[in-house]
N, C-alpha and C. Protein backbone atom coordinates (compact mmCIF):
# COMPACT_ATOMS: atom_id res chain seq x y z
N UNK A 1 -37.84 45.81 9.87
CA UNK A 1 -38.10 44.38 9.93
C UNK A 1 -37.55 43.68 8.70
N UNK A 2 -37.59 44.37 7.55
CA UNK A 2 -37.10 43.76 6.32
C UNK A 2 -35.60 43.54 6.39
N UNK A 3 -34.88 44.45 7.03
CA UNK A 3 -33.44 44.31 7.15
C UNK A 3 -33.06 43.11 8.00
N UNK A 4 -33.86 42.82 9.02
CA UNK A 4 -33.60 41.68 9.89
C UNK A 4 -33.78 40.36 9.14
N UNK A 5 -34.81 40.26 8.33
CA UNK A 5 -35.02 39.02 7.58
C UNK A 5 -33.94 38.84 6.51
N UNK A 6 -33.44 39.93 5.93
CA UNK A 6 -32.34 39.84 4.97
C UNK A 6 -31.09 39.26 5.62
N UNK A 7 -30.81 39.69 6.84
CA UNK A 7 -29.63 39.18 7.56
C UNK A 7 -29.77 37.69 7.85
N UNK A 8 -30.96 37.26 8.19
CA UNK A 8 -31.20 35.84 8.48
C UNK A 8 -31.02 35.02 7.22
N UNK A 9 -31.56 35.47 6.11
CA UNK A 9 -31.43 34.75 4.84
C UNK A 9 -29.96 34.68 4.43
N UNK A 10 -29.23 35.78 4.54
CA UNK A 10 -27.81 35.81 4.18
C UNK A 10 -27.00 34.88 5.10
N UNK A 11 -27.35 34.84 6.37
CA UNK A 11 -26.67 33.95 7.31
C UNK A 11 -26.92 32.49 6.94
N UNK A 12 -28.16 32.15 6.61
CA UNK A 12 -28.50 30.78 6.21
C UNK A 12 -27.75 30.40 4.93
N UNK A 13 -27.71 31.31 3.97
CA UNK A 13 -26.98 31.05 2.72
C UNK A 13 -25.49 30.88 3.01
N UNK A 14 -24.93 31.72 3.87
CA UNK A 14 -23.51 31.62 4.23
C UNK A 14 -23.19 30.29 4.89
N UNK A 15 -24.06 29.85 5.80
CA UNK A 15 -23.86 28.56 6.47
C UNK A 15 -23.94 27.42 5.46
N UNK A 16 -24.90 27.49 4.53
CA UNK A 16 -25.04 26.45 3.51
C UNK A 16 -23.80 26.39 2.61
N UNK A 17 -23.28 27.54 2.22
CA UNK A 17 -22.07 27.58 1.39
C UNK A 17 -20.88 27.01 2.16
N UNK A 18 -20.75 27.38 3.44
CA UNK A 18 -19.65 26.86 4.25
C UNK A 18 -19.73 25.35 4.40
N UNK A 19 -20.93 24.83 4.64
CA UNK A 19 -21.10 23.38 4.76
C UNK A 19 -20.76 22.70 3.44
N UNK A 20 -21.21 23.28 2.33
CA UNK A 20 -20.89 22.73 1.01
C UNK A 20 -19.40 22.71 0.75
N UNK A 21 -18.70 23.79 1.09
CA UNK A 21 -17.24 23.84 0.89
C UNK A 21 -16.52 22.82 1.77
N UNK A 22 -16.94 22.70 3.01
CA UNK A 22 -16.33 21.71 3.90
C UNK A 22 -16.56 20.29 3.40
N UNK A 23 -17.76 20.04 2.89
CA UNK A 23 -18.05 18.71 2.35
C UNK A 23 -17.18 18.42 1.13
N UNK A 24 -17.04 19.39 0.23
CA UNK A 24 -16.19 19.21 -0.97
C UNK A 24 -14.74 18.99 -0.55
N UNK A 25 -14.27 19.70 0.46
CA UNK A 25 -12.90 19.51 0.95
C UNK A 25 -12.73 18.10 1.51
N UNK A 26 -13.71 17.64 2.26
CA UNK A 26 -13.67 16.28 2.81
C UNK A 26 -13.61 15.24 1.69
N UNK A 27 -14.46 15.38 0.67
CA UNK A 27 -14.48 14.45 -0.46
C UNK A 27 -13.14 14.48 -1.19
N UNK A 28 -12.58 15.67 -1.37
CA UNK A 28 -11.30 15.81 -2.05
C UNK A 28 -10.18 15.13 -1.26
N UNK A 29 -10.17 15.31 0.05
CA UNK A 29 -9.14 14.68 0.88
C UNK A 29 -9.29 13.16 0.89
N UNK A 30 -10.50 12.67 0.91
CA UNK A 30 -10.72 11.23 0.86
C UNK A 30 -10.29 10.65 -0.48
N UNK A 31 -10.31 11.44 -1.50
CA UNK A 31 -9.92 10.99 -2.84
C UNK A 31 -8.44 11.17 -3.12
N UNK A 32 -7.67 11.57 -2.12
CA UNK A 32 -6.24 11.78 -2.34
C UNK A 32 -5.56 10.44 -2.61
N UNK A 33 -4.41 10.44 -3.30
CA UNK A 33 -3.74 9.19 -3.66
C UNK A 33 -3.45 8.31 -2.45
N UNK A 34 -3.02 8.88 -1.34
CA UNK A 34 -2.71 8.06 -0.17
C UNK A 34 -3.95 7.32 0.31
N UNK A 35 -5.08 8.00 0.32
CA UNK A 35 -6.33 7.36 0.75
C UNK A 35 -6.73 6.26 -0.21
N UNK A 36 -6.58 6.50 -1.52
CA UNK A 36 -6.94 5.49 -2.50
C UNK A 36 -6.07 4.24 -2.35
N UNK A 37 -4.78 4.44 -2.13
CA UNK A 37 -3.88 3.30 -1.98
C UNK A 37 -4.26 2.51 -0.74
N UNK A 38 -4.53 3.19 0.34
CA UNK A 38 -4.90 2.51 1.57
C UNK A 38 -6.18 1.71 1.39
N UNK A 39 -7.11 2.24 0.57
CA UNK A 39 -8.37 1.54 0.35
C UNK A 39 -8.19 0.32 -0.55
N UNK A 40 -7.23 0.33 -1.47
CA UNK A 40 -7.06 -0.76 -2.41
C UNK A 40 -6.25 -1.92 -1.84
N UNK A 41 -5.32 -1.62 -0.96
CA UNK A 41 -4.50 -2.67 -0.36
C UNK A 41 -5.21 -3.16 0.89
N UNK A 42 -5.50 -4.46 0.97
CA UNK A 42 -6.14 -4.93 2.20
C UNK A 42 -5.18 -4.80 3.38
N UNK A 43 -5.68 -4.32 4.47
CA UNK A 43 -4.85 -4.11 5.66
C UNK A 43 -5.36 -5.03 6.76
N UNK A 44 -4.50 -5.93 7.21
CA UNK A 44 -4.82 -6.80 8.33
C UNK A 44 -4.37 -6.08 9.59
N UNK A 45 -5.30 -5.70 10.43
CA UNK A 45 -4.99 -4.93 11.64
C UNK A 45 -4.27 -5.77 12.70
N UNK A 46 -4.31 -7.10 12.56
CA UNK A 46 -3.61 -7.96 13.53
C UNK A 46 -2.15 -8.06 13.13
N UNK A 47 -1.30 -7.35 13.85
CA UNK A 47 0.13 -7.33 13.56
C UNK A 47 0.83 -8.16 14.64
N UNK A 48 1.33 -9.32 14.23
CA UNK A 48 2.03 -10.18 15.18
C UNK A 48 3.43 -9.63 15.43
N UNK A 49 3.88 -9.67 16.67
CA UNK A 49 5.21 -9.13 16.99
C UNK A 49 6.32 -9.94 16.30
N UNK A 50 7.32 -9.21 15.83
CA UNK A 50 8.46 -9.82 15.16
C UNK A 50 9.61 -8.81 15.23
N UNK A 51 10.85 -9.26 15.36
CA UNK A 51 11.98 -8.32 15.40
C UNK A 51 12.07 -7.43 14.16
N UNK A 52 11.53 -7.89 13.05
CA UNK A 52 11.57 -7.09 11.81
C UNK A 52 10.77 -5.81 11.95
N UNK A 53 9.75 -5.80 12.78
CA UNK A 53 8.93 -4.59 12.96
C UNK A 53 9.78 -3.48 13.55
N UNK A 54 10.54 -3.81 14.61
CA UNK A 54 11.42 -2.80 15.22
C UNK A 54 12.47 -2.34 14.22
N UNK A 55 13.00 -3.25 13.45
CA UNK A 55 14.01 -2.93 12.46
C UNK A 55 13.45 -1.99 11.39
N UNK A 56 12.23 -2.25 10.94
CA UNK A 56 11.60 -1.38 9.96
C UNK A 56 11.32 0.01 10.55
N UNK A 57 10.87 0.06 11.79
CA UNK A 57 10.59 1.34 12.42
C UNK A 57 11.86 2.16 12.61
N UNK A 58 12.97 1.50 12.92
CA UNK A 58 14.25 2.21 13.03
C UNK A 58 14.68 2.79 11.68
N UNK A 59 14.27 2.14 10.60
CA UNK A 59 14.63 2.60 9.25
C UNK A 59 13.65 3.66 8.73
N UNK A 60 12.65 4.03 9.53
CA UNK A 60 11.74 5.10 9.13
C UNK A 60 10.43 4.64 8.53
N UNK A 61 10.10 3.37 8.66
CA UNK A 61 8.84 2.85 8.15
C UNK A 61 7.88 2.61 9.30
N UNK A 62 6.60 2.71 9.02
CA UNK A 62 5.58 2.39 10.01
C UNK A 62 4.83 1.16 9.52
N UNK A 63 4.83 0.11 10.31
CA UNK A 63 4.11 -1.11 9.94
C UNK A 63 2.63 -0.88 10.24
N UNK A 64 1.81 -0.92 9.18
CA UNK A 64 0.39 -0.61 9.35
C UNK A 64 -0.51 -1.82 9.13
N UNK A 65 0.07 -2.95 8.70
CA UNK A 65 -0.74 -4.13 8.46
C UNK A 65 0.05 -5.40 8.69
N UNK A 66 -0.65 -6.44 9.13
CA UNK A 66 -0.03 -7.72 9.39
C UNK A 66 -0.10 -8.65 8.19
N UNK A 67 0.15 -9.92 8.45
CA UNK A 67 0.25 -10.94 7.41
C UNK A 67 -1.03 -11.04 6.58
N UNK A 68 -0.84 -11.10 5.25
CA UNK A 68 -1.96 -11.24 4.32
C UNK A 68 -1.77 -12.51 3.51
N UNK A 69 -2.86 -13.21 3.31
CA UNK A 69 -2.86 -14.38 2.42
C UNK A 69 -3.69 -13.99 1.21
N UNK A 70 -3.06 -13.98 0.04
CA UNK A 70 -3.75 -13.61 -1.20
C UNK A 70 -4.06 -14.88 -1.97
N UNK A 71 -5.33 -15.29 -2.00
CA UNK A 71 -5.68 -16.50 -2.75
C UNK A 71 -5.68 -16.22 -4.25
N UNK A 72 -5.17 -17.16 -5.01
CA UNK A 72 -5.13 -17.06 -6.47
C UNK A 72 -5.85 -18.26 -7.07
N UNK A 73 -6.48 -18.06 -8.18
CA UNK A 73 -7.09 -19.18 -8.89
C UNK A 73 -6.75 -19.07 -10.37
N UNK A 74 -6.56 -20.20 -10.98
CA UNK A 74 -6.21 -20.28 -12.39
C UNK A 74 -7.14 -21.28 -13.05
N UNK A 75 -7.35 -21.11 -14.32
CA UNK A 75 -8.09 -22.07 -15.12
C UNK A 75 -7.16 -22.56 -16.21
N UNK A 76 -6.87 -23.86 -16.19
CA UNK A 76 -5.99 -24.47 -17.19
C UNK A 76 -6.80 -25.54 -17.91
N UNK A 77 -7.05 -25.31 -19.18
CA UNK A 77 -7.85 -26.23 -19.99
C UNK A 77 -9.17 -26.59 -19.32
N UNK A 78 -9.78 -25.59 -18.70
CA UNK A 78 -11.08 -25.79 -18.06
C UNK A 78 -11.03 -26.28 -16.63
N UNK A 79 -9.87 -26.70 -16.15
CA UNK A 79 -9.75 -27.20 -14.78
C UNK A 79 -9.26 -26.07 -13.87
N UNK A 80 -9.89 -25.97 -12.72
CA UNK A 80 -9.52 -24.93 -11.76
C UNK A 80 -8.30 -25.38 -10.95
N UNK A 81 -7.36 -24.46 -10.78
CA UNK A 81 -6.19 -24.70 -9.94
C UNK A 81 -6.07 -23.52 -8.99
N UNK A 82 -5.60 -23.80 -7.78
CA UNK A 82 -5.57 -22.77 -6.76
C UNK A 82 -4.17 -22.68 -6.15
N UNK A 83 -3.83 -21.48 -5.72
CA UNK A 83 -2.58 -21.25 -5.03
C UNK A 83 -2.78 -20.01 -4.15
N UNK A 84 -1.72 -19.55 -3.55
CA UNK A 84 -1.78 -18.34 -2.73
C UNK A 84 -0.37 -17.79 -2.58
N UNK A 85 -0.31 -16.51 -2.32
CA UNK A 85 0.96 -15.88 -1.97
C UNK A 85 0.74 -15.14 -0.66
N UNK A 86 1.83 -14.90 0.05
CA UNK A 86 1.75 -14.27 1.36
C UNK A 86 2.54 -12.97 1.38
N UNK A 87 1.98 -11.98 2.05
CA UNK A 87 2.68 -10.73 2.34
C UNK A 87 2.82 -10.69 3.85
N UNK A 88 4.04 -10.50 4.34
CA UNK A 88 4.26 -10.55 5.78
C UNK A 88 3.72 -9.31 6.49
N UNK A 89 3.97 -8.13 5.92
CA UNK A 89 3.49 -6.88 6.52
C UNK A 89 3.22 -5.87 5.41
N UNK A 90 2.50 -4.83 5.77
CA UNK A 90 2.34 -3.65 4.91
C UNK A 90 2.92 -2.49 5.70
N UNK A 91 3.82 -1.74 5.07
CA UNK A 91 4.49 -0.63 5.75
C UNK A 91 4.28 0.66 4.98
N UNK A 92 4.33 1.77 5.71
CA UNK A 92 4.16 3.09 5.10
C UNK A 92 5.35 3.96 5.48
N UNK A 93 5.66 4.88 4.61
CA UNK A 93 6.71 5.87 4.84
C UNK A 93 6.01 7.20 5.07
N UNK A 94 6.69 8.14 5.69
CA UNK A 94 6.08 9.44 5.99
C UNK A 94 5.64 10.19 4.75
N UNK A 95 6.29 9.93 3.62
CA UNK A 95 5.94 10.65 2.39
C UNK A 95 4.66 10.12 1.74
N UNK A 96 4.00 9.15 2.38
CA UNK A 96 2.75 8.62 1.85
C UNK A 96 2.90 7.38 1.00
N UNK A 97 4.11 6.89 0.83
CA UNK A 97 4.31 5.68 0.02
C UNK A 97 4.06 4.43 0.86
N UNK A 98 3.53 3.40 0.19
CA UNK A 98 3.21 2.14 0.84
C UNK A 98 4.05 1.03 0.24
N UNK A 99 4.48 0.09 1.09
CA UNK A 99 5.31 -1.02 0.65
C UNK A 99 4.77 -2.32 1.21
N UNK A 100 4.87 -3.37 0.41
CA UNK A 100 4.61 -4.71 0.90
C UNK A 100 5.93 -5.21 1.50
N UNK A 101 5.86 -5.86 2.63
CA UNK A 101 7.06 -6.35 3.30
C UNK A 101 7.10 -7.86 3.19
N UNK A 102 8.22 -8.36 2.68
CA UNK A 102 8.46 -9.79 2.57
C UNK A 102 9.69 -10.10 3.43
N UNK A 103 9.55 -11.03 4.34
CA UNK A 103 10.68 -11.43 5.18
C UNK A 103 11.48 -12.53 4.48
N UNK A 104 12.80 -12.44 4.55
CA UNK A 104 13.66 -13.47 3.96
C UNK A 104 13.46 -14.78 4.70
N UNK A 105 13.47 -15.85 3.94
CA UNK A 105 13.32 -17.19 4.51
C UNK A 105 14.50 -18.03 4.05
N UNK A 106 15.11 -18.77 4.98
CA UNK A 106 16.29 -19.56 4.61
C UNK A 106 16.01 -20.60 3.53
N UNK A 107 14.80 -21.17 3.52
CA UNK A 107 14.50 -22.21 2.54
C UNK A 107 14.10 -21.65 1.18
N UNK A 108 13.87 -20.33 1.11
CA UNK A 108 13.48 -19.72 -0.16
C UNK A 108 14.19 -18.37 -0.31
N UNK A 109 15.51 -18.42 -0.57
CA UNK A 109 16.25 -17.15 -0.67
C UNK A 109 15.93 -16.42 -1.97
N UNK A 110 16.08 -15.11 -1.93
CA UNK A 110 15.86 -14.27 -3.10
C UNK A 110 17.16 -14.13 -3.86
N UNK A 111 17.13 -14.44 -5.14
CA UNK A 111 18.29 -14.30 -6.02
C UNK A 111 18.29 -12.87 -6.55
N UNK A 112 19.28 -12.08 -6.18
CA UNK A 112 19.33 -10.67 -6.58
C UNK A 112 19.90 -10.52 -7.98
N UNK A 113 19.17 -11.08 -8.93
CA UNK A 113 19.44 -10.88 -10.35
C UNK A 113 18.12 -10.41 -10.97
N UNK A 114 18.18 -9.90 -12.17
CA UNK A 114 16.96 -9.44 -12.82
C UNK A 114 15.91 -10.53 -12.91
N UNK A 115 16.32 -11.72 -13.35
CA UNK A 115 15.34 -12.80 -13.49
C UNK A 115 14.91 -13.33 -12.12
N UNK A 116 15.80 -13.33 -11.15
CA UNK A 116 15.44 -13.79 -9.81
C UNK A 116 14.42 -12.87 -9.16
N UNK A 117 14.64 -11.55 -9.30
CA UNK A 117 13.68 -10.58 -8.76
C UNK A 117 12.34 -10.70 -9.48
N UNK A 118 12.39 -10.84 -10.80
CA UNK A 118 11.15 -10.98 -11.58
C UNK A 118 10.36 -12.19 -11.11
N UNK A 119 11.01 -13.33 -11.03
CA UNK A 119 10.30 -14.56 -10.68
C UNK A 119 9.72 -14.52 -9.27
N UNK A 120 10.46 -13.91 -8.33
CA UNK A 120 10.05 -13.92 -6.94
C UNK A 120 9.04 -12.81 -6.62
N UNK A 121 9.26 -11.60 -7.15
CA UNK A 121 8.49 -10.44 -6.71
C UNK A 121 7.44 -9.92 -7.68
N UNK A 122 7.52 -10.28 -8.94
CA UNK A 122 6.58 -9.73 -9.91
C UNK A 122 5.11 -9.99 -9.55
N UNK A 123 4.76 -11.17 -9.05
CA UNK A 123 3.35 -11.36 -8.67
C UNK A 123 2.87 -10.33 -7.64
N UNK A 124 3.70 -9.99 -6.67
CA UNK A 124 3.32 -9.01 -5.66
C UNK A 124 3.11 -7.64 -6.28
N UNK A 125 4.03 -7.25 -7.14
CA UNK A 125 3.97 -5.92 -7.73
C UNK A 125 2.85 -5.79 -8.76
N UNK A 126 2.45 -6.89 -9.37
CA UNK A 126 1.34 -6.84 -10.32
C UNK A 126 -0.02 -6.86 -9.63
N UNK A 127 -0.11 -7.56 -8.51
CA UNK A 127 -1.38 -7.62 -7.79
C UNK A 127 -1.72 -6.26 -7.19
N UNK A 128 -0.71 -5.56 -6.67
CA UNK A 128 -0.92 -4.25 -6.06
C UNK A 128 0.00 -3.22 -6.72
N UNK A 129 -0.32 -2.80 -7.95
CA UNK A 129 0.55 -1.85 -8.65
C UNK A 129 0.58 -0.47 -8.00
N UNK A 130 -0.40 -0.17 -7.13
CA UNK A 130 -0.41 1.13 -6.47
C UNK A 130 0.62 1.22 -5.35
N UNK A 131 1.24 0.09 -4.98
CA UNK A 131 2.30 0.10 -3.98
C UNK A 131 3.56 0.73 -4.56
N UNK A 132 4.34 1.32 -3.71
CA UNK A 132 5.61 1.89 -4.15
C UNK A 132 6.65 0.82 -4.42
N UNK A 133 6.48 -0.35 -3.84
CA UNK A 133 7.43 -1.43 -4.05
C UNK A 133 7.34 -2.47 -2.95
N UNK A 134 8.42 -3.24 -2.85
CA UNK A 134 8.52 -4.31 -1.86
C UNK A 134 9.73 -4.04 -0.98
N UNK A 135 9.55 -4.23 0.31
CA UNK A 135 10.67 -4.20 1.24
C UNK A 135 11.02 -5.64 1.56
N UNK A 136 12.20 -6.07 1.13
CA UNK A 136 12.66 -7.42 1.39
C UNK A 136 13.57 -7.33 2.61
N UNK A 137 13.12 -7.88 3.73
CA UNK A 137 13.83 -7.74 5.00
C UNK A 137 14.56 -9.03 5.31
N UNK A 138 15.88 -8.93 5.39
CA UNK A 138 16.72 -10.06 5.74
C UNK A 138 17.31 -9.79 7.12
N UNK A 139 16.70 -10.37 8.13
CA UNK A 139 17.14 -10.12 9.51
C UNK A 139 18.52 -10.72 9.78
N UNK A 140 18.85 -11.85 9.15
CA UNK A 140 20.16 -12.48 9.36
C UNK A 140 21.28 -11.57 8.88
N UNK A 141 21.05 -10.87 7.78
CA UNK A 141 22.06 -9.96 7.22
C UNK A 141 21.85 -8.53 7.68
N UNK A 142 20.83 -8.29 8.50
CA UNK A 142 20.48 -6.96 8.98
C UNK A 142 20.36 -5.99 7.81
N UNK A 143 19.52 -6.35 6.84
CA UNK A 143 19.37 -5.53 5.64
C UNK A 143 17.91 -5.40 5.24
N UNK A 144 17.57 -4.20 4.80
CA UNK A 144 16.26 -3.95 4.20
C UNK A 144 16.53 -3.53 2.77
N UNK A 145 16.04 -4.31 1.84
CA UNK A 145 16.21 -4.01 0.42
C UNK A 145 14.91 -3.39 -0.09
N UNK A 146 15.00 -2.18 -0.62
CA UNK A 146 13.84 -1.50 -1.20
C UNK A 146 13.83 -1.83 -2.69
N UNK A 147 12.81 -2.55 -3.12
CA UNK A 147 12.72 -3.01 -4.50
C UNK A 147 11.50 -2.37 -5.15
N UNK A 148 11.75 -1.59 -6.19
CA UNK A 148 10.67 -0.91 -6.90
C UNK A 148 10.64 -1.41 -8.33
N UNK A 149 9.45 -1.53 -8.87
CA UNK A 149 9.28 -2.01 -10.24
C UNK A 149 9.41 -0.84 -11.19
N UNK A 150 10.23 -1.04 -12.22
CA UNK A 150 10.39 -0.03 -13.25
C UNK A 150 10.21 -0.71 -14.61
N UNK A 151 10.05 0.11 -15.62
CA UNK A 151 9.89 -0.42 -16.96
C UNK A 151 11.14 -0.08 -17.76
N UNK A 152 11.71 -1.10 -18.39
CA UNK A 152 12.90 -0.91 -19.20
C UNK A 152 12.49 -0.29 -20.53
N UNK A 153 13.23 0.73 -20.96
CA UNK A 153 12.88 1.37 -22.22
C UNK A 153 13.45 0.64 -23.44
N UNK A 154 14.05 -0.52 -23.21
CA UNK A 154 14.57 -1.32 -24.31
C UNK A 154 15.99 -0.97 -24.70
N UNK A 155 16.60 -0.01 -24.00
CA UNK A 155 17.94 0.43 -24.34
C UNK A 155 19.03 -0.43 -23.71
N UNK A 156 18.69 -1.15 -22.63
CA UNK A 156 19.71 -1.96 -21.95
C UNK A 156 19.90 -3.27 -22.69
N UNK A 157 21.07 -3.84 -22.55
CA UNK A 157 21.37 -5.11 -23.24
C UNK A 157 21.15 -6.29 -22.32
């Protein structure tokens, strides 16, 4: 009879250890970088149809979020001022990287110079630094520009 109760206790301990290991594995997977990035970037599940979605999917991206409006507030000499910026889509690549998607607009073209990129895209990259970058989609030119933020080491002129 003593041997039978030993087997039951060992089985209960084994089940408890297995449950503990599975729980730790679950917590570890939830804490992976891809999960953290997905949790930090707001994802709008309402994705409105647009030809750019098909174009992005053909290029190997998966559109996982729709248009986002990011409200901003500033205080200037004690007075509140408000503005907002828009992200057209959020896209993911198979390697786990996430990108904010900005569609080109005829009335607000992007100047592909260092200062032009800084002025236009830096707010996006600073608000969500965990993103891999910005995908600037120009449907008229049939181009997807992958723009990633880097830090200059001061060696360039």
